[in-house]
Amino acid sequence: MLNFFSMKYIVLLLFFISHFNFAQNIEPFQIYNEKGRKVSTKKFLKELRKGEIILFGEYHDNPIVHWLQLKTAQNLHSYSPVSLGGEMFETHQQEAINSYLRKEIDQVGLDSIIQLWPNYKTDYKPLLDFAKNENIPFVATNIPRKYASYVYRNGLEALEKTLVEAEKELVAPLPIIYDPSLPWYQAMTEMMGLGHAPTPNFPKAQAIKDATMAHFIYQHYKENKKQFIHFNGDYHSKDFGGIYWYLKKLDEDLAITVVSTVEQLNVRKLEEEHKGQGDFIIVIDAEMTKTH
């Protein structure tokens, strides 16, 4: 028969066991499919091999998603040659990027030529260095910031009239298709309160970014026929909008896989609002440390 002290130790032992199990079950992320079912990292990577173009949506300051992007690029390239590209580099920076990839300039040289994002060193340099070491193209797809700012101030029509021919080579062919009724642009208007603001051009500035990234992704893919992995802010491709929509306008038969990123306090179940916003949704613990 157990005495008081034996019972006390058993209770304490059960407490430590349960506490240990809880600690062991802490997970920084979980991947889900479009319907909200859990997917292993192994299956996730296997499924990604099927896509011609992968739009990997990120939270710019989240270290887990940047780590997954690097591991995804490494894994897919180990099976078949890939091309890489990203929002964080602008089209007028392509020559400098190419010089870095060819090892004609080092990191100091690249820093002196182009303006890099504040989190470049921690989040994007590993991708660029992987491309350099493996002789993989890395395409700068984003519109030069000054042109997007011009659209924000003056509208899309003004941009077409202002750019000279050489500058037009750095953006999607003008005029771009722009539909303000598309849900992702409507959501931007509502989110920013632009219904009562002096200018309705904020979603137009987003659209010219989306169209330009889609144009340069497609141009490179069409020329090289290698699987293209593109890294962009999640809002540029979530819900199969933005870049995805413009790519489908260019070629409706493209096999495009959308990877979306969300943050939740509980990664063990995908919240209803996030279901369907990508072929795969990466749920990351909302308490994860940020890179900047």
C-alpha atoms as a PDB file:
ATOM      1  CA  MET A   1       0.000   0.000   0.000  1.00  0.00           C
ATOM      2  CA  LEU A   2       1.335   3.458  -1.005  1.00  0.00           C
ATOM      3  CA  ASN A   3       2.099   5.857   1.813  1.00  0.00           C
ATOM      4  CA  PHE A   4       1.820   9.660   1.698  1.00  0.00           C
ATOM      5  CA  PHE A   5       5.435  10.166   0.653  1.00  0.00           C
ATOM      6  CA  SER A   6       5.187   7.596  -2.155  1.00  0.00           C
ATOM      7  CA  MET A   7       2.067   9.304  -3.501  1.00  0.00           C
ATOM      8  CA  LYS A   8       3.813  12.664  -3.284  1.00  0.00           C
ATOM      9  CA  TYR A   9       6.740  11.447  -5.397  1.00  0.00           C
ATOM     10  CA  ILE A  10       4.413   9.825  -7.940  1.00  0.00           C
ATOM     11  CA  VAL A  11       2.492  13.098  -8.345  1.00  0.00           C
ATOM     12  CA  LEU A  12       5.735  15.006  -8.770  1.00  0.00           C
ATOM     13  CA  LEU A  13       6.996  12.426 -11.283  1.00  0.00           C
ATOM     14  CA  LEU A  14       3.781  12.704 -13.320  1.00  0.00           C
ATOM     15  CA  PHE A  15       4.069  16.472 -13.239  1.00  0.00           C
ATOM     16  CA  PHE A  16       7.632  16.416 -14.592  1.00  0.00           C
ATOM     17  CA  ILE A  17       6.736  13.845 -17.251  1.00  0.00           C
ATOM     18  CA  SER A  18       3.803  15.923 -18.465  1.00  0.00           C
ATOM     19  CA  HIS A  19       5.914  19.073 -18.348  1.00  0.00           C
ATOM     20  CA  PHE A  20       8.696  17.382 -20.315  1.00  0.00           C
ATOM     21  CA  ASN A  21       6.241  16.134 -22.947  1.00  0.00           C
ATOM     22  CA  PHE A  22       4.790  19.615 -23.295  1.00  0.00           C
ATOM     23  CA  ALA A  23       8.256  21.035 -23.838  1.00  0.00           C
ATOM     24  CA  GLN A  24       9.069  18.363 -26.400  1.00  0.00           C
ATOM     25  CA  ASN A  25       5.903  19.192 -28.376  1.00  0.00           C
ATOM     26  CA  ILE A  26       6.721  22.855 -28.910  1.00  0.00           C
ATOM     27  CA  GLU A  27       6.738  23.387 -32.675  1.00  0.00           C
ATOM     28  CA  PRO A  28       7.833  26.578 -34.450  1.00  0.00           C
ATOM     29  CA  PHE A  29       5.841  25.875 -37.639  1.00  0.00           C
ATOM     30  CA  GLN A  30       3.443  23.508 -39.342  1.00  0.00           C
ATOM     31  CA  ILE A  31       2.610  23.177 -43.044  1.00  0.00           C
ATOM     32  CA  TYR A  32      -0.981  22.708 -44.264  1.00  0.00           C
ATOM     33  CA  ASN A  33      -2.548  22.116 -47.658  1.00  0.00           C
ATOM     34  CA  GLU A  34      -5.215  24.327 -49.191  1.00  0.00           C
ATOM     35  CA  LYS A  35      -8.000  22.519 -47.299  1.00  0.00           C
ATOM     36  CA  GLY A  36      -6.292  22.829 -43.921  1.00  0.00           C
ATOM     37  CA  ARG A  37      -4.855  19.323 -43.599  1.00  0.00           C
ATOM     38  CA  LYS A  38      -1.385  18.914 -42.113  1.00  0.00           C
ATOM     39  CA  VAL A  39       1.403  18.160 -44.564  1.00  0.00           C
ATOM     40  CA  SER A  40       4.866  16.880 -43.685  1.00  0.00           C
ATOM     41  CA  THR A  41       7.872  18.871 -44.840  1.00  0.00           C
ATOM     42  CA  LYS A  42       8.925  15.869 -46.914  1.00  0.00           C
ATOM     43  CA  LYS A  43       5.607  15.756 -48.775  1.00  0.00           C
ATOM     44  CA  PHE A  44       5.592  19.540 -49.146  1.00  0.00           C
ATOM     45  CA  LEU A  45       8.961  19.462 -50.925  1.00  0.00           C
ATOM     46  CA  LYS A  46       7.936  16.492 -53.062  1.00  0.00           C
ATOM     47  CA  GLU A  47       4.765  18.240 -54.216  1.00  0.00           C
ATOM     48  CA  LEU A  48       6.654  21.421 -55.052  1.00  0.00           C
ATOM     49  CA  ARG A  49       8.694  19.541 -57.647  1.00  0.00           C
ATOM     50  CA  LYS A  50       5.578  19.395 -59.849  1.00  0.00           C
ATOM     51  CA  GLY A  51       5.217  23.147 -60.333  1.00  0.00           C
ATOM     52  CA  GLU A  52       6.686  25.139 -63.212  1.00  0.00           C
ATOM     53  CA  ILE A  53       6.635  28.311 -61.131  1.00  0.00           C
ATOM     54  CA  ILE A  54       6.541  28.527 -57.330  1.00  0.00           C
ATOM     55  CA  LEU A  55       5.420  31.759 -55.698  1.00  0.00           C
ATOM     56  CA  PHE A  56       6.826  31.531 -52.168  1.00  0.00           C
ATOM     57  CA  GLY A  57       5.021  34.170 -50.103  1.00  0.00           C
ATOM     58  CA  GLU A  58       6.912  35.408 -47.070  1.00  0.00           C
ATOM     59  CA  TYR A  59       6.669  37.684 -44.080  1.00  0.00           C
ATOM     60  CA  HIS A  60       9.742  39.809 -44.686  1.00  0.00           C
ATOM     61  CA  ASP A  61      10.848  39.749 -41.034  1.00  0.00           C
ATOM     62  CA  ASN A  62      10.225  36.078 -40.239  1.00  0.00           C
ATOM     63  CA  PRO A  63      13.366  33.899 -39.887  1.00  0.00           C
ATOM     64  CA  ILE A  64      11.531  30.571 -40.185  1.00  0.00           C
ATOM     65  CA  VAL A  65      10.099  31.337 -43.615  1.00  0.00           C
ATOM     66  CA  HIS A  66      13.488  32.543 -44.868  1.00  0.00           C
ATOM     67  CA  TRP A  67      15.105  29.330 -43.623  1.00  0.00           C
ATOM     68  CA  LEU A  68      12.397  27.290 -45.363  1.00  0.00           C
ATOM     69  CA  GLN A  69      12.922  29.235 -48.584  1.00  0.00           C
ATOM     70  CA  LEU A  70      16.610  28.385 -48.574  1.00  0.00           C
ATOM     71  CA  LYS A  71      15.991  24.726 -47.767  1.00  0.00           C
ATOM     72  CA  THR A  72      13.326  24.546 -50.475  1.00  0.00           C
ATOM     73  CA  ALA A  73      15.667  25.987 -53.097  1.00  0.00           C
ATOM     74  CA  GLN A  74      18.445  23.603 -52.065  1.00  0.00           C
ATOM     75  CA  ASN A  75      16.149  20.584 -52.108  1.00  0.00           C
ATOM     76  CA  LEU A  76      14.457  21.283 -55.435  1.00  0.00           C
ATOM     77  CA  HIS A  77      17.745  22.109 -57.130  1.00  0.00           C
ATOM     78  CA  SER A  78      19.167  18.777 -55.965  1.00  0.00           C
ATOM     79  CA  TYR A  79      16.512  17.042 -58.105  1.00  0.00           C
ATOM     80  CA  SER A  80      16.414  19.344 -61.116  1.00  0.00           C
ATOM     81  CA  PRO A  81      18.078  22.670 -62.033  1.00  0.00           C
ATOM     82  CA  VAL A  82      16.077  25.708 -60.913  1.00  0.00           C
ATOM     83  CA  SER A  83      16.074  29.464 -61.410  1.00  0.00           C
ATOM     84  CA  LEU A  84      15.496  31.886 -58.559  1.00  0.00           C
ATOM     85  CA  GLY A  85      14.089  35.388 -58.389  1.00  0.00           C
ATOM     86  CA  GLY A  86      12.716  37.831 -55.885  1.00  0.00           C
ATOM     87  CA  GLU A  87      10.866  40.983 -55.024  1.00  0.00           C
ATOM     88  CA  MET A  88      13.753  42.252 -52.906  1.00  0.00           C
ATOM     89  CA  PHE A  89      15.828  43.066 -56.001  1.00  0.00           C
ATOM     90  CA  GLU A  90      14.683  45.626 -58.582  1.00  0.00           C
ATOM     91  CA  THR A  91      15.014  45.222 -62.335  1.00  0.00           C
ATOM     92  CA  HIS A  92      17.592  48.002 -62.759  1.00  0.00           C
ATOM     93  CA  GLN A  93      19.817  46.100 -60.294  1.00  0.00           C
ATOM     94  CA  GLN A  94      20.095  42.988 -62.486  1.00  0.00           C
ATOM     95  CA  GLU A  95      23.499  43.821 -63.928  1.00  0.00           C
ATOM     96  CA  ALA A  96      24.991  44.229 -60.439  1.00  0.00           C
ATOM     97  CA  ILE A  97      23.364  40.986 -59.287  1.00  0.00           C
ATOM     98  CA  ASN A  98      24.810  39.170 -62.293  1.00  0.00           C
ATOM     99  CA  SER A  99      28.271  40.550 -61.552  1.00  0.00           C
ATOM    100  CA  TYR A 100      28.010  39.250 -57.996  1.00  0.00           C
ATOM    101  CA  LEU A 101      26.819  35.837 -59.180  1.00  0.00           C
ATOM    102  CA  ARG A 102      29.750  35.638 -61.624  1.00  0.00           C
ATOM    103  CA  LYS A 103      32.101  36.567 -58.734  1.00  0.00           C
ATOM    104  CA  GLU A 104      33.271  39.670 -60.557  1.00  0.00           C
ATOM    105  CA  ILE A 105      32.447  41.737 -57.468  1.00  0.00           C
ATOM    106  CA  ASP A 106      32.248  40.769 -53.797  1.00  0.00           C
ATOM    107  CA  GLN A 107      29.693  41.727 -51.155  1.00  0.00           C
ATOM    108  CA  VAL A 108      31.384  45.065 -50.510  1.00  0.00           C
ATOM    109  CA  GLY A 109      31.186  45.810 -54.213  1.00  0.00           C
ATOM    110  CA  LEU A 110      27.511  44.890 -54.370  1.00  0.00           C
ATOM    111  CA  ASP A 111      26.783  47.099 -51.345  1.00  0.00           C
ATOM    112  CA  SER A 112      28.461  50.024 -53.071  1.00  0.00           C
ATOM    113  CA  ILE A 113      26.440  49.664 -56.282  1.00  0.00           C
ATOM    114  CA  ILE A 114      22.864  48.982 -55.174  1.00  0.00           C
ATOM    115  CA  GLN A 115      20.676  49.704 -52.182  1.00  0.00           C
ATOM    116  CA  LEU A 116      19.900  46.446 -50.359  1.00  0.00           C
ATOM    117  CA  TRP A 117      17.010  45.779 -48.013  1.00  0.00           C
ATOM    118  CA  PRO A 118      17.783  46.225 -44.278  1.00  0.00           C
ATOM    119  CA  ASN A 119      17.424  42.478 -43.681  1.00  0.00           C
ATOM    120  CA  TYR A 120      19.449  41.460 -46.735  1.00  0.00           C
ATOM    121  CA  LYS A 121      22.379  40.044 -44.760  1.00  0.00           C
ATOM    122  CA  THR A 122      20.301  37.674 -42.604  1.00  0.00           C
ATOM    123  CA  ASP A 123      17.448  36.820 -44.991  1.00  0.00           C
ATOM    124  CA  TYR A 124      18.413  37.193 -48.658  1.00  0.00           C
ATOM    125  CA  LYS A 125      22.184  36.930 -48.852  1.00  0.00           C
ATOM    126  CA  PRO A 126      21.984  33.155 -48.109  1.00  0.00           C
ATOM    127  CA  LEU A 127      19.733  32.732 -51.164  1.00  0.00           C
ATOM    128  CA  LEU A 128      21.951  34.860 -53.378  1.00  0.00           C
ATOM    129  CA  ASP A 129      25.069  33.054 -52.187  1.00  0.00           C
ATOM    130  CA  PHE A 130      23.428  29.693 -52.835  1.00  0.00           C
ATOM    131  CA  ALA A 131      22.700  30.845 -56.379  1.00  0.00           C
ATOM    132  CA  LYS A 132      26.292  32.061 -56.771  1.00  0.00           C
ATOM    133  CA  ASN A 133      27.845  28.838 -55.486  1.00  0.00           C
ATOM    134  CA  GLU A 134      25.591  26.610 -57.595  1.00  0.00           C
ATOM    135  CA  ASN A 135      25.694  28.742 -60.769  1.00  0.00           C
ATOM    136  CA  ILE A 136      21.942  29.400 -60.591  1.00  0.00           C
ATOM    137  CA  PRO A 137      20.341  32.476 -62.205  1.00  0.00           C
ATOM    138  CA  PHE A 138      18.769  34.944 -59.778  1.00  0.00           C
ATOM    139  CA  VAL A 139      16.327  37.330 -61.434  1.00  0.00           C
ATOM    140  CA  ALA A 140      15.609  40.786 -60.054  1.00  0.00           C
ATOM    141  CA  THR A 141      11.887  41.064 -60.753  1.00  0.00           C
ATOM    142  CA  ASN A 142      10.564  44.090 -58.864  1.00  0.00           C
ATOM    143  CA  ILE A 143       9.827  47.445 -60.469  1.00  0.00           C
ATOM    144  CA  PRO A 144      12.268  50.218 -59.513  1.00  0.00           C
ATOM    145  CA  ARG A 145      10.903  51.848 -56.379  1.00  0.00           C
ATOM    146  CA  LYS A 146      10.807  55.329 -57.902  1.00  0.00           C
ATOM    147  CA  TYR A 147       8.419  54.162 -60.633  1.00  0.00           C
ATOM    148  CA  ALA A 148       6.028  52.558 -58.153  1.00  0.00           C
ATOM    149  CA  SER A 149       6.143  55.763 -56.107  1.00  0.00           C
ATOM    150  CA  TYR A 150       5.357  57.748 -59.232  1.00  0.00           C
ATOM    151  CA  VAL A 151       2.271  55.593 -59.846  1.00  0.00           C
ATOM    152  CA  TYR A 152       1.186  56.170 -56.260  1.00  0.00           C
ATOM    153  CA  ARG A 153       1.397  59.919 -56.754  1.00  0.00           C
ATOM    154  CA  ASN A 154       0.172  60.219 -60.344  1.00  0.00           C
ATOM    155  CA  GLY A 155      -1.519  57.012 -61.519  1.00  0.00           C
ATOM    156  CA  LEU A 156      -0.726  54.373 -64.125  1.00  0.00           C
ATOM    157  CA  GLU A 157      -1.538  56.498 -67.162  1.00  0.00           C
ATOM    158  CA  ALA A 158       1.005  59.133 -66.140  1.00  0.00           C
ATOM    159  CA  LEU A 159       3.755  56.512 -65.857  1.00  0.00           C
ATOM    160  CA  GLU A 160       3.283  55.392 -69.453  1.00  0.00           C
ATOM    161  CA  LYS A 161       3.560  58.977 -70.684  1.00  0.00           C
ATOM    162  CA  THR A 162       6.615  59.751 -68.541  1.00  0.00           C
ATOM    163  CA  LEU A 163       8.981  56.827 -69.119  1.00  0.00           C
ATOM    164  CA  VAL A 164      11.408  56.855 -72.024  1.00  0.00           C
ATOM    165  CA  GLU A 165      11.954  53.670 -74.033  1.00  0.00           C
ATOM    166  CA  ALA A 166      14.964  52.482 -72.003  1.00  0.00           C
ATOM    167  CA  GLU A 167      13.015  52.896 -68.753  1.00  0.00           C
ATOM    168  CA  LYS A 168      10.045  50.965 -70.151  1.00  0.00           C
ATOM    169  CA  GLU A 169      12.342  47.943 -70.428  1.00  0.00           C
ATOM    170  CA  LEU A 170      12.428  47.844 -66.613  1.00  0.00           C
ATOM    171  CA  VAL A 171       8.669  47.418 -66.139  1.00  0.00           C
ATOM    172  CA  ALA A 172       5.893  45.219 -67.468  1.00  0.00           C
ATOM    173  CA  PRO A 173       4.701  46.194 -70.962  1.00  0.00           C
ATOM    174  CA  LEU A 174       2.483  49.266 -70.701  1.00  0.00           C
ATOM    175  CA  PRO A 175      -0.380  49.753 -70.361  1.00  0.00           C
ATOM    176  CA  ILE A 176      -0.886  46.940 -67.867  1.00  0.00           C
ATOM    177  CA  ILE A 177      -4.293  45.411 -67.224  1.00  0.00           C
ATOM    178  CA  TYR A 178      -5.679  46.869 -64.015  1.00  0.00           C
ATOM    179  CA  ASP A 179      -8.971  45.773 -62.471  1.00  0.00           C
ATOM    180  CA  PRO A 180      -9.796  47.690 -59.262  1.00  0.00           C
ATOM    181  CA  SER A 181     -12.631  45.254 -58.502  1.00  0.00           C
ATOM    182  CA  LEU A 182     -10.236  42.366 -57.864  1.00  0.00           C
ATOM    183  CA  PRO A 183     -10.607  41.368 -54.196  1.00  0.00           C
ATOM    184  CA  TRP A 184      -6.948  41.806 -53.226  1.00  0.00           C
ATOM    185  CA  TYR A 185      -6.886  45.387 -54.521  1.00  0.00           C
ATOM    186  CA  GLN A 186     -10.245  46.151 -52.956  1.00  0.00           C
ATOM    187  CA  ALA A 187      -8.937  44.798 -49.646  1.00  0.00           C
ATOM    188  CA  MET A 188      -5.917  47.097 -49.886  1.00  0.00           C
ATOM    189  CA  THR A 189      -8.170  50.088 -50.436  1.00  0.00           C
ATOM    190  CA  GLU A 190     -10.305  49.202 -47.444  1.00  0.00           C
ATOM    191  CA  MET A 191      -7.305  48.371 -45.269  1.00  0.00           C
ATOM    192  CA  MET A 192      -5.608  51.682 -45.950  1.00  0.00           C
ATOM    193  CA  GLY A 193      -8.841  53.678 -45.728  1.00  0.00           C
ATOM    194  CA  LEU A 194      -8.334  55.020 -49.224  1.00  0.00           C
ATOM    195  CA  GLY A 195     -12.041  55.317 -49.837  1.00  0.00           C
ATOM    196  CA  HIS A 196     -11.794  58.798 -48.299  1.00  0.00           C
ATOM    197  CA  ALA A 197      -8.196  59.587 -49.185  1.00  0.00           C
ATOM    198  CA  PRO A 198      -7.133  62.124 -51.836  1.00  0.00           C
ATOM    199  CA  THR A 199      -5.756  59.423 -54.169  1.00  0.00           C
ATOM    200  CA  PRO A 200      -6.989  55.951 -55.198  1.00  0.00           C
ATOM    201  CA  ASN A 201      -3.565  55.096 -56.572  1.00  0.00           C
ATOM    202  CA  PHE A 202      -2.196  52.922 -53.758  1.00  0.00           C
ATOM    203  CA  PRO A 203      -3.588  49.640 -55.205  1.00  0.00           C
ATOM    204  CA  LYS A 204      -2.409  50.760 -58.653  1.00  0.00           C
ATOM    205  CA  ALA A 205       1.138  50.983 -57.295  1.00  0.00           C
ATOM    206  CA  GLN A 206       0.697  47.430 -55.999  1.00  0.00           C
ATOM    207  CA  ALA A 207      -0.630  46.303 -59.373  1.00  0.00           C
ATOM    208  CA  ILE A 208       2.348  47.667 -61.322  1.00  0.00           C
ATOM    209  CA  LYS A 209       4.633  45.744 -58.932  1.00  0.00           C
ATOM    210  CA  ASP A 210       2.620  42.544 -59.394  1.00  0.00           C
ATOM    211  CA  ALA A 211       2.492  42.908 -63.177  1.00  0.00           C
ATOM    212  CA  THR A 212       6.221  43.667 -63.425  1.00  0.00           C
ATOM    213  CA  MET A 213       7.234  40.721 -61.244  1.00  0.00           C
ATOM    214  CA  ALA A 214       4.967  38.420 -63.266  1.00  0.00           C
ATOM    215  CA  HIS A 215       6.413  39.731 -66.534  1.00  0.00           C
ATOM    216  CA  PHE A 216      10.046  39.090 -65.588  1.00  0.00           C
ATOM    217  CA  ILE A 217       9.283  35.714 -63.996  1.00  0.00           C
ATOM    218  CA  TYR A 218       7.515  34.584 -67.163  1.00  0.00           C
ATOM    219  CA  GLN A 219      10.114  36.060 -69.489  1.00  0.00           C
ATOM    220  CA  HIS A 220      12.912  34.164 -67.752  1.00  0.00           C
ATOM    221  CA  TYR A 221      10.909  30.945 -67.448  1.00  0.00           C
ATOM    222  CA  LYS A 222       9.927  30.993 -71.112  1.00  0.00           C
ATOM    223  CA  GLU A 223      13.565  31.441 -72.165  1.00  0.00           C
ATOM    224  CA  ASN A 224      15.129  28.873 -69.803  1.00  0.00           C
ATOM    225  CA  LYS A 225      12.373  26.329 -69.081  1.00  0.00           C
ATOM    226  CA  LYS A 226      13.719  25.650 -65.599  1.00  0.00           C
ATOM    227  CA  GLN A 227      11.495  25.538 -62.560  1.00  0.00           C
ATOM    228  CA  PHE A 228      11.348  29.097 -61.241  1.00  0.00           C
ATOM    229  CA  ILE A 229      11.144  29.762 -57.485  1.00  0.00           C
ATOM    230  CA  HIS A 230      10.098  33.315 -56.709  1.00  0.00           C
ATOM    231  CA  PHE A 231      10.338  34.922 -53.267  1.00  0.00           C
ATOM    232  CA  ASN A 232       7.888  37.712 -52.538  1.00  0.00           C
ATOM    233  CA  GLY A 233       5.845  39.279 -49.790  1.00  0.00           C
ATOM    234  CA  ASP A 234       2.864  37.080 -49.080  1.00  0.00           C
ATOM    235  CA  TYR A 235       0.343  39.714 -50.111  1.00  0.00           C
ATOM    236  CA  HIS A 236       1.711  39.659 -53.666  1.00  0.00           C
ATOM    237  CA  SER A 237       0.480  36.087 -54.253  1.00  0.00           C
ATOM    238  CA  LYS A 238      -1.880  34.985 -51.441  1.00  0.00           C
ATOM    239  CA  ASP A 239      -5.396  33.931 -52.413  1.00  0.00           C
ATOM    240  CA  PHE A 240      -4.028  33.255 -55.919  1.00  0.00           C
ATOM    241  CA  GLY A 241      -4.000  36.954 -56.661  1.00  0.00           C
ATOM    242  CA  GLY A 242      -1.417  39.558 -57.559  1.00  0.00           C
ATOM    243  CA  ILE A 243       1.541  37.957 -59.338  1.00  0.00           C
ATOM    244  CA  TYR A 244      -0.391  34.714 -59.820  1.00  0.00           C
ATOM    245  CA  TRP A 245      -3.267  36.538 -61.569  1.00  0.00           C
ATOM    246  CA  TYR A 246      -0.905  38.368 -63.922  1.00  0.00           C
ATOM    247  CA  LEU A 247       1.025  35.174 -64.729  1.00  0.00           C
ATOM    248  CA  LYS A 248      -2.220  33.447 -65.666  1.00  0.00           C
ATOM    249  CA  LYS A 249      -3.040  36.380 -67.930  1.00  0.00           C
ATOM    250  CA  LEU A 250       0.260  35.734 -69.690  1.00  0.00           C
ATOM    251  CA  ASP A 251      -0.218  31.956 -69.916  1.00  0.00           C
ATOM    252  CA  GLU A 252      -3.293  30.296 -68.443  1.00  0.00           C
ATOM    253  CA  ASP A 253      -1.702  26.853 -68.773  1.00  0.00           C
ATOM    254  CA  LEU A 254       1.202  27.603 -66.415  1.00  0.00           C
ATOM    255  CA  ALA A 255       1.505  25.186 -63.496  1.00  0.00           C
ATOM    256  CA  ILE A 256       1.909  27.639 -60.612  1.00  0.00           C
ATOM    257  CA  THR A 257       2.176  26.623 -56.962  1.00  0.00           C
ATOM    258  CA  VAL A 258       1.381  29.235 -54.327  1.00  0.00           C
ATOM    259  CA  VAL A 259       3.004  28.936 -50.905  1.00  0.00           C
ATOM    260  CA  SER A 260       1.514  31.292 -48.336  1.00  0.00           C
ATOM    261  CA  THR A 261       2.773  32.252 -44.881  1.00  0.00           C
ATOM    262  CA  VAL A 262       0.722  33.104 -41.793  1.00  0.00           C
ATOM    263  CA  GLU A 263       1.448  33.575 -38.106  1.00  0.00           C
ATOM    264  CA  GLN A 264      -0.725  32.065 -35.348  1.00  0.00           C
ATOM    265  CA  LEU A 265      -0.285  31.600 -31.614  1.00  0.00           C
ATOM    266  CA  ASN A 266      -1.287  27.967 -32.105  1.00  0.00           C
ATOM    267  CA  VAL A 267       0.360  26.237 -35.067  1.00  0.00           C
ATOM    268  CA  ARG A 268      -1.464  22.935 -34.544  1.00  0.00           C
ATOM    269  CA  LYS A 269      -4.628  23.923 -36.383  1.00  0.00           C
ATOM    270  CA  LEU A 270      -5.037  26.177 -39.388  1.00  0.00           C
ATOM    271  CA  GLU A 271      -7.509  28.934 -38.633  1.00  0.00           C
ATOM    272  CA  GLU A 272     -10.530  29.096 -40.947  1.00  0.00           C
ATOM    273  CA  GLU A 273      -9.648  32.519 -42.321  1.00  0.00           C
ATOM    274  CA  HIS A 274      -6.365  31.169 -43.708  1.00  0.00           C
ATOM    275  CA  LYS A 275      -7.743  28.124 -45.519  1.00  0.00           C
ATOM    276  CA  GLY A 276      -7.555  28.303 -49.288  1.00  0.00           C
ATOM    277  CA  GLN A 277      -5.108  31.186 -49.522  1.00  0.00           C
ATOM    278  CA  GLY A 278      -2.435  29.009 -51.097  1.00  0.00           C
ATOM    279  CA  ASP A 279      -1.738  25.480 -52.296  1.00  0.00           C
ATOM    280  CA  PHE A 280       0.320  25.249 -49.106  1.00  0.00           C
ATOM    281  CA  ILE A 281       0.102  27.431 -46.022  1.00  0.00           C
ATOM    282  CA  ILE A 282       3.027  27.631 -43.616  1.00  0.00           C
ATOM    283  CA  VAL A 283       1.827  28.474 -40.119  1.00  0.00           C
ATOM    284  CA  ILE A 284       4.554  29.952 -37.937  1.00  0.00           C
ATOM    285  CA  ASP A 285       4.403  30.604 -34.196  1.00  0.00           C
ATOM    286  CA  ALA A 286       3.468  34.262 -33.809  1.00  0.00           C
ATOM    287  CA  GLU A 287       5.990  34.612 -30.981  1.00  0.00           C
ATOM    288  CA  MET A 288       8.896  33.782 -33.289  1.00  0.00           C
ATOM    289  CA  THR A 289      11.729  36.300 -33.090  1.00  0.00           C
ATOM    290  CA  LYS A 290      11.843  38.794 -35.978  1.00  0.00           C
ATOM    291  CA  THR A 291      14.906  39.529 -38.081  1.00  0.00           C
ATOM    292  CA  HIS A 292      14.359  43.292 -38.105  1.00  0.00           C
END
